[in-house]
Amino acid sequence: MAKSKKKAETVFLVCQETGDYNYTIVRKPGGEKLQLKKYSPRLRRRTLHLEKKK
């Protein structure tokens, strides 16, 4: 019996301040949600971005 492989999933990084979907990433499912400081084009500075599935 073959093991089932977890497929990579596409998730979005959403700006905490504006709610814009600025980045998409592909990662393996499971684990904690990402919280990264990324550049927000609307605010023209780095802000906290959270992982969100569409």
N, C-alpha and C. Protein backbone atom coordinates (compact mmCIF):
# COMPACT_ATOMS: atom_id res chain seq x y z
N MET A 1 0.84 -1.18 0.00
CA MET A 1 0.00 0.00 0.00
C MET A 1 0.89 1.25 0.00
N ALA A 2 0.66 2.13 -0.92
CA ALA A 2 1.49 3.34 -1.04
C ALA A 2 1.01 4.41 -0.07
N LYS A 3 1.96 5.16 0.44
CA LYS A 3 1.61 6.27 1.33
C LYS A 3 1.05 7.41 0.50
N SER A 4 0.07 8.10 1.04
CA SER A 4 -0.47 9.26 0.33
C SER A 4 0.45 10.45 0.56
N LYS A 5 0.77 11.14 -0.51
CA LYS A 5 1.65 12.30 -0.42
C LYS A 5 0.82 13.55 -0.21
N LYS A 6 1.30 14.42 0.64
CA LYS A 6 0.63 15.70 0.82
C LYS A 6 1.07 16.60 -0.32
N LYS A 7 0.11 17.11 -1.04
CA LYS A 7 0.45 17.98 -2.17
C LYS A 7 0.69 19.40 -1.68
N ALA A 8 1.51 20.08 -2.43
CA ALA A 8 1.77 21.48 -2.11
C ALA A 8 0.51 22.29 -2.37
N GLU A 9 0.29 23.30 -1.55
CA GLU A 9 -0.89 24.14 -1.71
C GLU A 9 -0.46 25.60 -1.88
N THR A 10 -1.29 26.35 -2.58
CA THR A 10 -1.04 27.77 -2.79
C THR A 10 -1.73 28.55 -1.69
N VAL A 11 -0.99 29.40 -1.01
CA VAL A 11 -1.54 30.25 0.03
C VAL A 11 -1.18 31.69 -0.27
N PHE A 12 -1.92 32.61 0.30
CA PHE A 12 -1.72 34.03 0.05
C PHE A 12 -1.20 34.70 1.30
N LEU A 13 -0.39 35.72 1.12
CA LEU A 13 0.05 36.54 2.25
C LEU A 13 -0.72 37.85 2.18
N VAL A 14 -1.51 38.10 3.22
CA VAL A 14 -2.42 39.23 3.26
C VAL A 14 -1.89 40.28 4.22
N CYS A 15 -1.86 41.53 3.76
CA CYS A 15 -1.40 42.63 4.59
C CYS A 15 -2.35 42.82 5.77
N GLN A 16 -1.79 42.93 6.95
CA GLN A 16 -2.59 43.07 8.17
C GLN A 16 -3.27 44.44 8.23
N GLU A 17 -2.67 45.46 7.65
CA GLU A 17 -3.20 46.81 7.77
C GLU A 17 -4.20 47.16 6.67
N THR A 18 -3.93 46.74 5.43
CA THR A 18 -4.80 47.11 4.32
C THR A 18 -5.73 45.99 3.88
N GLY A 19 -5.37 44.74 4.16
CA GLY A 19 -6.17 43.60 3.73
C GLY A 19 -5.91 43.20 2.29
N ASP A 20 -4.87 43.75 1.68
CA ASP A 20 -4.53 43.43 0.30
C ASP A 20 -3.83 42.08 0.22
N TYR A 21 -4.12 41.33 -0.87
CA TYR A 21 -3.44 40.07 -1.15
C TYR A 21 -2.22 40.41 -2.00
N ASN A 22 -1.06 40.61 -1.36
CA ASN A 22 0.12 41.07 -2.06
C ASN A 22 1.01 39.95 -2.58
N TYR A 23 1.04 38.80 -1.94
CA TYR A 23 1.97 37.74 -2.31
C TYR A 23 1.26 36.40 -2.33
N THR A 24 1.71 35.50 -3.21
CA THR A 24 1.27 34.11 -3.22
C THR A 24 2.50 33.24 -3.07
N ILE A 25 2.36 32.16 -2.30
CA ILE A 25 3.46 31.22 -2.12
C ILE A 25 2.91 29.81 -2.21
N VAL A 26 3.77 28.87 -2.52
CA VAL A 26 3.41 27.46 -2.57
C VAL A 26 4.17 26.78 -1.45
N ARG A 27 3.43 26.09 -0.59
CA ARG A 27 4.07 25.40 0.53
C ARG A 27 3.35 24.13 0.87
N LYS A 28 3.99 23.28 1.65
CA LYS A 28 3.37 22.03 2.09
C LYS A 28 2.33 22.33 3.16
N PRO A 29 1.23 21.59 3.17
CA PRO A 29 0.22 21.83 4.20
C PRO A 29 0.70 21.40 5.58
N GLY A 30 0.09 21.97 6.59
CA GLY A 30 0.45 21.64 7.96
C GLY A 30 1.40 22.68 8.53
N GLY A 31 1.63 22.58 9.80
CA GLY A 31 2.52 23.54 10.45
C GLY A 31 1.77 24.80 10.83
N GLU A 32 2.51 25.75 11.37
CA GLU A 32 1.90 27.01 11.81
C GLU A 32 1.70 27.94 10.64
N LYS A 33 0.77 28.88 10.81
CA LYS A 33 0.56 29.90 9.78
C LYS A 33 1.74 30.86 9.77
N LEU A 34 2.11 31.30 8.58
CA LEU A 34 3.22 32.21 8.44
C LEU A 34 2.84 33.62 8.86
N GLN A 35 3.76 34.30 9.48
CA GLN A 35 3.63 35.72 9.79
C GLN A 35 4.95 36.35 9.40
N LEU A 36 4.94 37.12 8.32
CA LEU A 36 6.17 37.69 7.80
C LEU A 36 6.03 39.19 7.62
N LYS A 37 7.14 39.89 7.75
CA LYS A 37 7.14 41.32 7.42
C LYS A 37 7.52 41.42 5.95
N LYS A 38 6.57 41.89 5.13
CA LYS A 38 6.78 42.02 3.69
C LYS A 38 6.44 43.44 3.28
N TYR A 39 6.85 43.79 2.08
CA TYR A 39 6.62 45.14 1.56
C TYR A 39 5.18 45.29 1.08
N SER A 40 4.52 46.36 1.50
CA SER A 40 3.17 46.68 1.06
C SER A 40 3.24 47.84 0.06
N PRO A 41 2.93 47.59 -1.21
CA PRO A 41 3.02 48.65 -2.21
C PRO A 41 2.09 49.83 -1.93
N ARG A 42 0.92 49.57 -1.39
CA ARG A 42 -0.01 50.66 -1.12
C ARG A 42 0.51 51.61 -0.05
N LEU A 43 1.10 51.06 1.01
CA LEU A 43 1.61 51.89 2.10
C LEU A 43 3.07 52.28 1.88
N ARG A 44 3.72 51.63 0.94
CA ARG A 44 5.12 51.88 0.61
C ARG A 44 6.05 51.69 1.80
N ARG A 45 5.79 50.64 2.57
CA ARG A 45 6.66 50.27 3.69
C ARG A 45 6.40 48.80 4.04
N ARG A 46 7.24 48.26 4.91
CA ARG A 46 7.07 46.88 5.33
C ARG A 46 6.02 46.76 6.42
N THR A 47 5.12 45.80 6.26
CA THR A 47 4.07 45.57 7.24
C THR A 47 3.97 44.08 7.51
N LEU A 48 3.25 43.71 8.55
CA LEU A 48 3.05 42.30 8.88
C LEU A 48 2.05 41.70 7.90
N HIS A 49 2.41 40.56 7.32
CA HIS A 49 1.54 39.82 6.41
C HIS A 49 1.27 38.45 7.02
N LEU A 50 0.01 38.01 6.95
CA LEU A 50 -0.41 36.73 7.50
C LEU A 50 -0.82 35.80 6.37
N GLU A 51 -0.61 34.51 6.60
CA GLU A 51 -1.00 33.48 5.62
C GLU A 51 -2.50 33.30 5.64
N LYS A 52 -3.09 33.16 4.44
CA LYS A 52 -4.52 32.93 4.33
C LYS A 52 -4.80 32.08 3.11
N LYS A 53 -5.71 31.11 3.26
CA LYS A 53 -6.14 30.32 2.11
C LYS A 53 -7.35 31.01 1.48
N LYS A 54 -7.46 30.95 0.19
CA LYS A 54 -8.55 31.65 -0.49
C LYS A 54 -9.85 30.94 -0.28
